[in-house]
Amino acid sequence: MPTPRIVLLTGGRQIGKTTTLSEAVKRLQDAGVKVAGLLTQRTGPHDLAVIELYTGARYSLTDPYRDIPGAPTPNFVMNEAAFARSTAALATSFPTQVFVLDEIGPLELRHHRGWVSVLDLLKRESYAVAFIVVRPELLGDAVVELPDAEYTVIRVDVDSRQGLGSYLFDAATARLSDASMASPGCGR
């Protein structure tokens, strides 16, 4: 089986990373590709929701905002029960054809909390391609923590985001095609 491909999507806040991933996910699902993982959506200035891609379940990831000095996520108060639920969903995301995580951030990479279990799950290589959102300032941390694999880094900005969902769809389907040719019966 070929080495899984990990695509790291990076770029400024609210530039379109989630929108791009959502477009690619919808196209992949419409094409019958098994997609699993988590997408987050900003629902307010200090509010996030999470979507479990395989089940479609959507729920709040944050509690009402309050300033907590020294918090690992200074703009959000994370809901521990929602993190436990979404972490369990991550564990059942594999095996899959396409894995998505929006996002791996300071909570995981610097504080070893949140969705940190994904680092070990990705090392098991039970996926053909993974799309992972990571902040530009954490890109080096992500590369060190994620499994040795074939990486592509895509910077999302105003100019590059047009057509990027289609590019991700094409990259995933090409990778799936390569994986199925290399190992008959593998991939679905």
N, C-alpha and C. Protein backbone atom coordinates (compact mmCIF):
# COMPACT_ATOMS: atom_id res chain seq x y z
N MET A 1 0.86 -1.19 0.00
CA MET A 1 0.00 0.00 0.00
C MET A 1 0.89 1.23 0.00
N PRO A 2 0.57 2.24 -0.82
CA PRO A 2 1.40 3.44 -0.85
C PRO A 2 1.31 4.22 0.46
N THR A 3 2.32 5.01 0.72
CA THR A 3 2.32 5.84 1.92
C THR A 3 1.16 6.83 1.85
N PRO A 4 0.37 6.96 2.92
CA PRO A 4 -0.72 7.93 2.91
C PRO A 4 -0.19 9.34 2.68
N ARG A 5 -0.98 10.12 2.04
CA ARG A 5 -0.62 11.50 1.77
C ARG A 5 -1.31 12.38 2.81
N ILE A 6 -0.57 13.26 3.43
CA ILE A 6 -1.12 14.22 4.38
C ILE A 6 -1.00 15.60 3.76
N VAL A 7 -2.15 16.26 3.63
CA VAL A 7 -2.19 17.62 3.10
C VAL A 7 -2.48 18.55 4.27
N LEU A 8 -1.54 19.45 4.54
CA LEU A 8 -1.72 20.43 5.60
C LEU A 8 -2.22 21.72 4.97
N LEU A 9 -3.40 22.15 5.37
CA LEU A 9 -3.96 23.42 4.91
C LEU A 9 -3.67 24.47 5.97
N THR A 10 -3.07 25.55 5.56
CA THR A 10 -2.72 26.59 6.50
C THR A 10 -3.08 27.95 5.91
N GLY A 11 -3.21 28.92 6.76
CA GLY A 11 -3.55 30.27 6.32
C GLY A 11 -4.13 31.04 7.48
N GLY A 12 -4.33 32.32 7.25
CA GLY A 12 -4.85 33.20 8.29
C GLY A 12 -6.22 32.79 8.78
N ARG A 13 -6.60 33.34 9.91
CA ARG A 13 -7.91 33.05 10.48
C ARG A 13 -9.01 33.59 9.57
N GLN A 14 -10.05 32.79 9.43
CA GLN A 14 -11.24 33.13 8.66
C GLN A 14 -10.93 33.49 7.20
N ILE A 15 -9.95 32.82 6.62
CA ILE A 15 -9.58 33.07 5.22
C ILE A 15 -10.31 32.13 4.26
N GLY A 16 -10.87 31.02 4.78
CA GLY A 16 -11.63 30.12 3.92
C GLY A 16 -11.18 28.67 3.98
N LYS A 17 -10.40 28.29 4.98
CA LYS A 17 -9.93 26.91 5.08
C LYS A 17 -11.09 25.94 5.29
N THR A 18 -11.98 26.25 6.21
CA THR A 18 -13.13 25.39 6.48
C THR A 18 -14.08 25.34 5.30
N THR A 19 -14.31 26.48 4.68
CA THR A 19 -15.19 26.53 3.50
C THR A 19 -14.62 25.67 2.38
N THR A 20 -13.32 25.76 2.17
CA THR A 20 -12.65 24.95 1.14
C THR A 20 -12.80 23.46 1.45
N LEU A 21 -12.53 23.09 2.70
CA LEU A 21 -12.66 21.68 3.09
C LEU A 21 -14.10 21.21 2.97
N SER A 22 -15.04 22.02 3.37
CA SER A 22 -16.45 21.64 3.27
C SER A 22 -16.84 21.35 1.83
N GLU A 23 -16.38 22.17 0.91
CA GLU A 23 -16.66 21.96 -0.51
C GLU A 23 -16.07 20.63 -0.98
N ALA A 24 -14.83 20.37 -0.63
CA ALA A 24 -14.18 19.12 -1.04
C ALA A 24 -14.89 17.91 -0.42
N VAL A 25 -15.24 18.01 0.86
CA VAL A 25 -15.92 16.91 1.55
C VAL A 25 -17.25 16.59 0.88
N LYS A 26 -18.03 17.61 0.58
CA LYS A 26 -19.34 17.38 -0.07
C LYS A 26 -19.16 16.67 -1.41
N ARG A 27 -18.21 17.14 -2.20
CA ARG A 27 -17.97 16.50 -3.50
C ARG A 27 -17.52 15.06 -3.34
N LEU A 28 -16.64 14.80 -2.37
CA LEU A 28 -16.16 13.44 -2.14
C LEU A 28 -17.30 12.53 -1.68
N GLN A 29 -18.11 13.02 -0.75
CA GLN A 29 -19.24 12.21 -0.28
C GLN A 29 -20.23 11.95 -1.41
N ASP A 30 -20.49 12.98 -2.22
CA ASP A 30 -21.40 12.80 -3.36
C ASP A 30 -20.87 11.76 -4.35
N ALA A 31 -19.54 11.62 -4.41
CA ALA A 31 -18.91 10.64 -5.30
C ALA A 31 -18.82 9.26 -4.67
N GLY A 32 -19.35 9.10 -3.44
CA GLY A 32 -19.34 7.79 -2.79
C GLY A 32 -18.07 7.48 -2.02
N VAL A 33 -17.23 8.47 -1.79
CA VAL A 33 -15.99 8.28 -1.05
C VAL A 33 -16.29 8.32 0.45
N LYS A 34 -15.70 7.41 1.21
CA LYS A 34 -15.85 7.41 2.66
C LYS A 34 -14.96 8.50 3.25
N VAL A 35 -15.62 9.48 3.86
CA VAL A 35 -14.92 10.62 4.47
C VAL A 35 -15.28 10.62 5.94
N ALA A 36 -14.27 10.73 6.80
CA ALA A 36 -14.50 10.77 8.24
C ALA A 36 -13.59 11.83 8.85
N GLY A 37 -13.90 12.19 10.07
CA GLY A 37 -13.12 13.21 10.77
C GLY A 37 -14.02 14.30 11.29
N LEU A 38 -13.43 15.46 11.53
CA LEU A 38 -14.14 16.57 12.15
C LEU A 38 -13.90 17.88 11.41
N LEU A 39 -14.96 18.65 11.24
CA LEU A 39 -14.87 20.02 10.75
C LEU A 39 -15.37 20.93 11.86
N THR A 40 -14.72 22.06 12.06
CA THR A 40 -15.22 23.04 13.02
C THR A 40 -15.74 24.25 12.26
N GLN A 41 -16.75 24.87 12.82
CA GLN A 41 -17.31 26.08 12.24
C GLN A 41 -17.44 27.13 13.32
N ARG A 42 -17.05 28.34 12.96
CA ARG A 42 -17.23 29.45 13.88
C ARG A 42 -18.70 29.84 13.83
N THR A 43 -19.34 29.87 14.99
CA THR A 43 -20.76 30.23 15.05
C THR A 43 -20.97 31.56 15.76
N GLY A 44 -19.92 32.16 16.23
CA GLY A 44 -19.95 33.46 16.90
C GLY A 44 -18.53 33.87 17.22
N PRO A 45 -18.35 35.07 17.76
CA PRO A 45 -16.98 35.54 18.02
C PRO A 45 -16.17 34.63 18.94
N HIS A 46 -16.86 33.96 19.87
CA HIS A 46 -16.18 33.06 20.82
C HIS A 46 -16.84 31.69 20.84
N ASP A 47 -17.46 31.33 19.73
CA ASP A 47 -18.24 30.09 19.69
C ASP A 47 -17.84 29.23 18.50
N LEU A 48 -17.72 27.93 18.74
CA LEU A 48 -17.41 26.96 17.70
C LEU A 48 -18.38 25.79 17.77
N ALA A 49 -18.69 25.24 16.62
CA ALA A 49 -19.45 23.99 16.54
C ALA A 49 -18.56 22.99 15.82
N VAL A 50 -18.79 21.72 16.07
CA VAL A 50 -18.04 20.65 15.41
C VAL A 50 -19.02 19.77 14.66
N ILE A 51 -18.59 19.30 13.50
CA ILE A 51 -19.40 18.38 12.69
C ILE A 51 -18.62 17.09 12.55
N GLU A 52 -19.25 15.98 12.95
CA GLU A 52 -18.66 14.66 12.73
C GLU A 52 -19.00 14.27 11.29
N LEU A 53 -18.01 14.17 10.45
CA LEU A 53 -18.25 13.99 9.02
C LEU A 53 -18.91 12.67 8.66
N TYR A 54 -18.60 11.62 9.36
CA TYR A 54 -19.16 10.31 8.99
C TYR A 54 -20.63 10.20 9.38
N THR A 55 -20.99 10.76 10.55
CA THR A 55 -22.37 10.67 11.02
C THR A 55 -23.21 11.89 10.68
N GLY A 56 -22.54 13.03 10.47
CA GLY A 56 -23.25 14.28 10.23
C GLY A 56 -23.69 14.99 11.50
N ALA A 57 -23.39 14.41 12.67
CA ALA A 57 -23.77 15.03 13.94
C ALA A 57 -23.05 16.38 14.09
N ARG A 58 -23.80 17.37 14.58
CA ARG A 58 -23.25 18.72 14.78
C ARG A 58 -23.62 19.18 16.18
N TYR A 59 -22.64 19.71 16.91
CA TYR A 59 -22.89 20.17 18.26
C TYR A 59 -21.86 21.23 18.64
N SER A 60 -22.20 21.98 19.68
CA SER A 60 -21.34 23.06 20.16
C SER A 60 -20.06 22.48 20.75
N LEU A 61 -18.95 23.10 20.43
CA LEU A 61 -17.66 22.69 20.96
C LEU A 61 -17.21 23.60 22.10
N THR A 62 -17.91 24.71 22.27
CA THR A 62 -17.50 25.71 23.26
C THR A 62 -18.61 26.00 24.25
N ASP A 63 -18.20 26.49 25.41
CA ASP A 63 -19.12 27.00 26.43
C ASP A 63 -19.18 28.51 26.27
N PRO A 64 -20.14 29.16 26.95
CA PRO A 64 -20.19 30.63 26.89
C PRO A 64 -18.84 31.23 27.30
N TYR A 65 -18.43 32.26 26.57
CA TYR A 65 -17.10 32.84 26.77
C TYR A 65 -16.99 33.57 28.10
N ARG A 66 -15.84 33.37 28.71
CA ARG A 66 -15.41 34.15 29.86
C ARG A 66 -13.90 34.20 29.80
N ASP A 67 -13.34 35.30 30.21
CA ASP A 67 -11.89 35.48 30.15
C ASP A 67 -11.24 34.64 31.25
N ILE A 68 -10.38 33.72 30.81
CA ILE A 68 -9.66 32.86 31.76
C ILE A 68 -8.17 33.11 31.54
N PRO A 69 -7.53 33.86 32.44
CA PRO A 69 -6.10 34.14 32.26
C PRO A 69 -5.28 32.86 32.13
N GLY A 70 -4.40 32.82 31.13
CA GLY A 70 -3.52 31.69 30.92
C GLY A 70 -4.17 30.50 30.23
N ALA A 71 -5.40 30.65 29.76
CA ALA A 71 -6.09 29.54 29.10
C ALA A 71 -5.36 29.17 27.81
N PRO A 72 -5.28 27.87 27.47
CA PRO A 72 -4.59 27.47 26.24
C PRO A 72 -5.31 27.93 24.97
N THR A 73 -6.59 28.24 25.07
CA THR A 73 -7.36 28.78 23.95
C THR A 73 -7.99 30.09 24.44
N PRO A 74 -7.26 31.20 24.35
CA PRO A 74 -7.71 32.45 24.97
C PRO A 74 -9.01 33.02 24.39
N ASN A 75 -9.38 32.68 23.17
CA ASN A 75 -10.60 33.23 22.57
C ASN A 75 -11.82 32.32 22.72
N PHE A 76 -11.60 31.12 23.26
CA PHE A 76 -12.69 30.15 23.38
C PHE A 76 -12.60 29.43 24.72
N VAL A 77 -13.75 29.08 25.27
CA VAL A 77 -13.83 28.22 26.44
C VAL A 77 -14.36 26.88 25.93
N MET A 78 -13.49 25.91 25.89
CA MET A 78 -13.83 24.62 25.30
C MET A 78 -14.71 23.81 26.25
N ASN A 79 -15.69 23.12 25.68
CA ASN A 79 -16.60 22.28 26.43
C ASN A 79 -15.98 20.89 26.53
N GLU A 80 -15.67 20.45 27.73
CA GLU A 80 -14.98 19.17 27.92
C GLU A 80 -15.82 17.98 27.46
N ALA A 81 -17.12 18.02 27.67
CA ALA A 81 -17.97 16.91 27.22
C ALA A 81 -17.99 16.82 25.70
N ALA A 82 -18.02 17.97 25.03
CA ALA A 82 -18.00 17.98 23.57
C ALA A 82 -16.65 17.48 23.06
N PHE A 83 -15.57 17.84 23.75
CA PHE A 83 -14.26 17.33 23.35
C PHE A 83 -14.19 15.82 23.54
N ALA A 84 -14.75 15.32 24.61
CA ALA A 84 -14.75 13.87 24.83
C ALA A 84 -15.56 13.17 23.74
N ARG A 85 -16.72 13.73 23.40
CA ARG A 85 -17.56 13.13 22.35
C ARG A 85 -16.84 13.15 21.00
N SER A 86 -16.24 14.28 20.66
CA SER A 86 -15.57 14.38 19.36
C SER A 86 -14.29 13.55 19.32
N THR A 87 -13.62 13.40 20.44
CA THR A 87 -12.44 12.53 20.50
C THR A 87 -12.85 11.08 20.26
N ALA A 88 -13.98 10.67 20.84
CA ALA A 88 -14.50 9.32 20.59
C ALA A 88 -14.84 9.16 19.11
N ALA A 89 -15.39 10.20 18.50
CA ALA A 89 -15.71 10.14 17.07
C ALA A 89 -14.44 9.99 16.24
N LEU A 90 -13.37 10.64 16.66
CA LEU A 90 -12.10 10.48 15.94
C LEU A 90 -11.63 9.04 15.98
N ALA A 91 -11.75 8.41 17.12
CA ALA A 91 -11.30 7.02 17.26
C ALA A 91 -12.06 6.08 16.35
N THR A 92 -13.32 6.41 16.04
CA THR A 92 -14.11 5.55 15.16
C THR A 92 -14.05 6.01 13.71
N SER A 93 -13.23 7.00 13.41
CA SER A 93 -13.11 7.52 12.04
C SER A 93 -12.31 6.61 11.12
N PHE A 94 -11.54 5.70 11.70
CA PHE A 94 -10.65 4.85 10.92
C PHE A 94 -11.13 3.41 10.96
N PRO A 95 -10.92 2.65 9.89
CA PRO A 95 -10.30 3.03 8.62
C PRO A 95 -11.26 3.90 7.79
N THR A 96 -10.70 4.73 6.95
CA THR A 96 -11.46 5.58 6.05
C THR A 96 -10.66 5.82 4.79
N GLN A 97 -11.31 6.30 3.79
CA GLN A 97 -10.59 6.66 2.57
C GLN A 97 -9.97 8.05 2.72
N VAL A 98 -10.78 9.00 3.17
CA VAL A 98 -10.31 10.38 3.35
C VAL A 98 -10.59 10.79 4.79
N PHE A 99 -9.55 11.27 5.46
CA PHE A 99 -9.68 11.76 6.82
C PHE A 99 -9.51 13.27 6.81
N VAL A 100 -10.35 13.97 7.59
CA VAL A 100 -10.32 15.42 7.67
C VAL A 100 -10.27 15.83 9.13
N LEU A 101 -9.39 16.77 9.46
CA LEU A 101 -9.39 17.36 10.80
C LEU A 101 -9.20 18.87 10.67
N ASP A 102 -10.20 19.58 11.13
CA ASP A 102 -10.20 21.04 11.12
C ASP A 102 -10.43 21.50 12.55
N GLU A 103 -9.47 21.76 13.30
CA GLU A 103 -8.06 21.90 13.05
C GLU A 103 -7.28 21.26 14.16
N ILE A 104 -5.99 21.07 13.94
CA ILE A 104 -5.08 20.70 15.01
C ILE A 104 -4.36 21.99 15.38
N GLY A 105 -4.49 22.37 16.64
CA GLY A 105 -4.01 23.70 17.04
C GLY A 105 -3.13 23.67 18.27
N PRO A 106 -3.06 24.80 18.96
CA PRO A 106 -2.18 24.89 20.13
C PRO A 106 -2.61 23.95 21.26
N LEU A 107 -3.91 23.70 21.35
CA LEU A 107 -4.39 22.79 22.39
C LEU A 107 -3.74 21.42 22.24
N GLU A 108 -3.65 20.92 21.01
CA GLU A 108 -3.05 19.62 20.75
C GLU A 108 -1.53 19.68 20.69
N LEU A 109 -1.01 20.62 19.92
CA LEU A 109 0.42 20.63 19.62
C LEU A 109 1.28 21.23 20.73
N ARG A 110 0.73 22.10 21.53
CA ARG A 110 1.53 22.72 22.58
C ARG A 110 1.11 22.31 24.00
N HIS A 111 -0.17 21.91 24.16
CA HIS A 111 -0.67 21.58 25.49
C HIS A 111 -1.05 20.11 25.63
N HIS A 112 -0.94 19.35 24.54
CA HIS A 112 -1.22 17.91 24.53
C HIS A 112 -2.58 17.57 25.13
N ARG A 113 -3.58 18.37 24.71
CA ARG A 113 -4.97 18.17 25.13
C ARG A 113 -5.85 18.18 23.88
N GLY A 114 -7.15 18.17 24.08
CA GLY A 114 -8.06 18.25 22.95
C GLY A 114 -8.00 17.00 22.10
N TRP A 115 -7.79 17.18 20.80
CA TRP A 115 -7.79 16.06 19.85
C TRP A 115 -6.39 15.49 19.65
N VAL A 116 -5.59 15.48 20.68
CA VAL A 116 -4.20 15.01 20.59
C VAL A 116 -4.13 13.54 20.19
N SER A 117 -5.17 12.76 20.45
CA SER A 117 -5.17 11.34 20.07
C SER A 117 -5.03 11.14 18.57
N VAL A 118 -5.37 12.16 17.79
CA VAL A 118 -5.29 12.04 16.33
C VAL A 118 -3.84 11.80 15.88
N LEU A 119 -2.88 12.28 16.63
CA LEU A 119 -1.48 12.10 16.25
C LEU A 119 -1.13 10.61 16.18
N ASP A 120 -1.60 9.83 17.15
CA ASP A 120 -1.36 8.38 17.12
C ASP A 120 -2.24 7.69 16.09
N LEU A 121 -3.48 8.13 15.97
CA LEU A 121 -4.39 7.52 15.00
C LEU A 121 -3.85 7.65 13.58
N LEU A 122 -3.27 8.77 13.25
CA LEU A 122 -2.73 8.98 11.90
C LEU A 122 -1.51 8.10 11.62
N LYS A 123 -0.81 7.72 12.67
CA LYS A 123 0.38 6.87 12.49
C LYS A 123 -0.01 5.45 12.09
N ARG A 124 -1.26 5.08 12.28
CA ARG A 124 -1.72 3.72 11.94
C ARG A 124 -1.93 3.55 10.45
N GLU A 125 -1.96 4.66 9.72
CA GLU A 125 -2.02 4.65 8.25
C GLU A 125 -3.23 3.91 7.69
N SER A 126 -4.38 4.03 8.32
CA SER A 126 -5.58 3.38 7.80
C SER A 126 -6.49 4.40 7.10
N TYR A 127 -5.88 5.10 6.14
CA TYR A 127 -6.55 6.10 5.32
C TYR A 127 -5.70 6.28 4.07
N ALA A 128 -6.31 6.79 3.02
CA ALA A 128 -5.55 7.03 1.79
C ALA A 128 -5.01 8.45 1.75
N VAL A 129 -5.79 9.39 2.23
CA VAL A 129 -5.36 10.79 2.24
C VAL A 129 -5.97 11.47 3.46
N ALA A 130 -5.23 12.41 4.03
CA ALA A 130 -5.72 13.19 5.17
C ALA A 130 -5.55 14.67 4.87
N PHE A 131 -6.60 15.41 5.15
CA PHE A 131 -6.57 16.87 5.04
C PHE A 131 -6.64 17.42 6.46
N ILE A 132 -5.61 18.15 6.85
CA ILE A 132 -5.53 18.66 8.21
C ILE A 132 -5.27 20.16 8.18
N VAL A 133 -6.10 20.91 8.90
CA VAL A 133 -5.92 22.35 9.02
C VAL A 133 -4.99 22.62 10.19
N VAL A 134 -4.02 23.49 9.96
CA VAL A 134 -3.07 23.88 11.01
C VAL A 134 -2.73 25.35 10.81
N ARG A 135 -2.62 26.08 11.88
CA ARG A 135 -2.27 27.50 11.81
C ARG A 135 -0.83 27.66 11.31
N PRO A 136 -0.56 28.74 10.60
CA PRO A 136 0.80 28.94 10.08
C PRO A 136 1.88 28.89 11.16
N GLU A 137 1.59 29.46 12.32
CA GLU A 137 2.59 29.50 13.39
C GLU A 137 2.82 28.14 14.04
N LEU A 138 1.97 27.15 13.72
CA LEU A 138 2.10 25.81 14.29
C LEU A 138 2.51 24.77 13.25
N LEU A 139 2.79 25.22 12.04
CA LEU A 139 3.12 24.29 10.96
C LEU A 139 4.34 23.43 11.31
N GLY A 140 5.38 24.03 11.83
CA GLY A 140 6.58 23.27 12.22
C GLY A 140 6.28 22.25 13.30
N ASP A 141 5.47 22.64 14.29
CA ASP A 141 5.08 21.72 15.35
C ASP A 141 4.30 20.53 14.78
N ALA A 142 3.41 20.81 13.83
CA ALA A 142 2.59 19.74 13.24
C ALA A 142 3.46 18.75 12.48
N VAL A 143 4.40 19.24 11.71
CA VAL A 143 5.26 18.35 10.93
C VAL A 143 6.08 17.45 11.85
N VAL A 144 6.52 17.99 12.97
CA VAL A 144 7.29 17.19 13.93
C VAL A 144 6.42 16.13 14.59
N GLU A 145 5.17 16.46 14.92
CA GLU A 145 4.28 15.56 15.65
C GLU A 145 3.57 14.54 14.78
N LEU A 146 3.26 14.89 13.55
CA LEU A 146 2.52 13.98 12.68
C LEU A 146 3.43 12.87 12.18
N PRO A 147 2.85 11.77 11.71
CA PRO A 147 3.68 10.65 11.26
C PRO A 147 4.53 11.00 10.05
N ASP A 148 5.63 10.28 9.92
CA ASP A 148 6.44 10.43 8.71
C ASP A 148 5.59 9.99 7.54
N ALA A 149 5.41 10.86 6.60
CA ALA A 149 4.56 10.55 5.45
C ALA A 149 4.90 11.53 4.34
N GLU A 150 4.23 11.38 3.26
CA GLU A 150 4.36 12.31 2.15
C GLU A 150 3.48 13.51 2.46
N TYR A 151 4.08 14.69 2.61
CA TYR A 151 3.36 15.90 2.97
C TYR A 151 3.23 16.85 1.80
N THR A 152 2.12 17.55 1.80
CA THR A 152 1.94 18.70 0.94
C THR A 152 1.39 19.80 1.84
N VAL A 153 1.94 21.00 1.73
CA VAL A 153 1.45 22.14 2.48
C VAL A 153 0.80 23.09 1.49
N ILE A 154 -0.44 23.46 1.77
CA ILE A 154 -1.16 24.40 0.92
C ILE A 154 -1.52 25.62 1.76
N ARG A 155 -1.06 26.76 1.32
CA ARG A 155 -1.41 28.01 2.00
C ARG A 155 -2.67 28.57 1.37
N VAL A 156 -3.68 28.73 2.18
CA VAL A 156 -4.96 29.26 1.71
C VAL A 156 -4.94 30.77 1.92
N ASP A 157 -5.19 31.49 0.85
CA ASP A 157 -5.32 32.94 0.93
C ASP A 157 -6.40 33.38 -0.06
N VAL A 158 -6.64 34.66 -0.14
CA VAL A 158 -7.71 35.17 -1.00
C VAL A 158 -7.51 34.72 -2.44
N ASP A 159 -6.29 34.72 -2.92
CA ASP A 159 -6.02 34.34 -4.31
C ASP A 159 -6.11 32.83 -4.54
N SER A 160 -5.61 32.03 -3.59
CA SER A 160 -5.51 30.59 -3.82
C SER A 160 -6.79 29.83 -3.51
N ARG A 161 -7.70 30.42 -2.75
CA ARG A 161 -8.86 29.63 -2.31
C ARG A 161 -9.88 29.36 -3.41
N GLN A 162 -9.86 30.15 -4.48
CA GLN A 162 -10.76 29.89 -5.60
C GLN A 162 -10.35 28.57 -6.26
N GLY A 163 -11.25 27.64 -6.31
CA GLY A 163 -10.97 26.35 -6.96
C GLY A 163 -10.21 25.36 -6.10
N LEU A 164 -9.87 25.75 -4.88
CA LEU A 164 -9.08 24.85 -4.03
C LEU A 164 -9.88 23.63 -3.59
N GLY A 165 -11.17 23.78 -3.37
CA GLY A 165 -12.00 22.62 -3.04
C GLY A 165 -11.97 21.57 -4.14
N SER A 166 -12.01 22.04 -5.39
CA SER A 166 -11.92 21.12 -6.53
C SER A 166 -10.55 20.46 -6.59
N TYR A 167 -9.51 21.23 -6.31
CA TYR A 167 -8.16 20.67 -6.31
C TYR A 167 -8.05 19.57 -5.25
N LEU A 168 -8.60 19.80 -4.06
CA LEU A 168 -8.54 18.79 -2.99
C LEU A 168 -9.32 17.54 -3.39
N PHE A 169 -10.48 17.75 -4.00
CA PHE A 169 -11.26 16.62 -4.51
C PHE A 169 -10.44 15.81 -5.50
N ASP A 170 -9.83 16.49 -6.47
CA ASP A 170 -9.03 15.81 -7.49
C ASP A 170 -7.83 15.08 -6.87
N ALA A 171 -7.17 15.71 -5.90
CA ALA A 171 -6.01 15.10 -5.24
C ALA A 171 -6.43 13.83 -4.49
N ALA A 172 -7.57 13.91 -3.81
CA ALA A 172 -8.04 12.74 -3.05
C ALA A 172 -8.43 11.60 -3.97
N THR A 173 -9.16 11.89 -5.03
CA THR A 173 -9.59 10.82 -5.93
C THR A 173 -8.40 10.21 -6.67
N ALA A 174 -7.40 11.03 -7.00
CA ALA A 174 -6.19 10.48 -7.63
C ALA A 174 -5.46 9.57 -6.65
N ARG A 175 -5.37 9.98 -5.40
CA ARG A 175 -4.69 9.17 -4.39
C ARG A 175 -5.43 7.86 -4.16
N LEU A 176 -6.75 7.93 -4.15
CA LEU A 176 -7.56 6.72 -3.98
C LEU A 176 -7.38 5.77 -5.15
N SER A 177 -7.28 6.32 -6.33
CA SER A 177 -7.06 5.52 -7.52
C SER A 177 -5.71 4.82 -7.45
N ASP A 178 -4.67 5.56 -7.03
CA ASP A 178 -3.34 4.97 -6.87
C ASP A 178 -3.35 3.87 -5.82
N ALA A 179 -4.06 4.10 -4.71
CA ALA A 179 -4.10 3.12 -3.63
C ALA A 179 -4.83 1.85 -4.07
N SER A 180 -5.91 2.01 -4.83
CA SER A 180 -6.65 0.81 -5.25
C SER A 180 -5.88 0.00 -6.28
N MET A 181 -5.06 0.68 -7.09
CA MET A 181 -4.25 -0.05 -8.07
C MET A 181 -3.09 -0.78 -7.38
N ALA A 182 -2.57 -0.18 -6.32
CA ALA A 182 -1.42 -0.78 -5.63
C ALA A 182 -1.84 -1.97 -4.78
N SER A 183 -3.07 -1.95 -4.29
CA SER A 183 -3.52 -3.01 -3.41
C SER A 183 -4.97 -3.33 -3.72
N PRO A 184 -5.23 -4.33 -4.56
CA PRO A 184 -6.60 -4.67 -4.94
C PRO A 184 -7.48 -4.90 -3.72
N GLY A 185 -8.70 -4.34 -3.80
CA GLY A 185 -9.65 -4.50 -2.71
C GLY A 185 -9.47 -3.51 -1.60
N CYS A 186 -8.42 -2.71 -1.64
CA CYS A 186 -8.14 -1.73 -0.62
C CYS A 186 -8.75 -0.41 -1.05
N GLY A 187 -9.10 0.42 -0.13
CA GLY A 187 -9.55 1.75 -0.47
C GLY A 187 -10.98 2.04 -0.06
N ARG A 188 -11.87 1.09 -0.05
CA ARG A 188 -13.27 1.36 0.36
C ARG A 188 -13.61 0.53 1.57
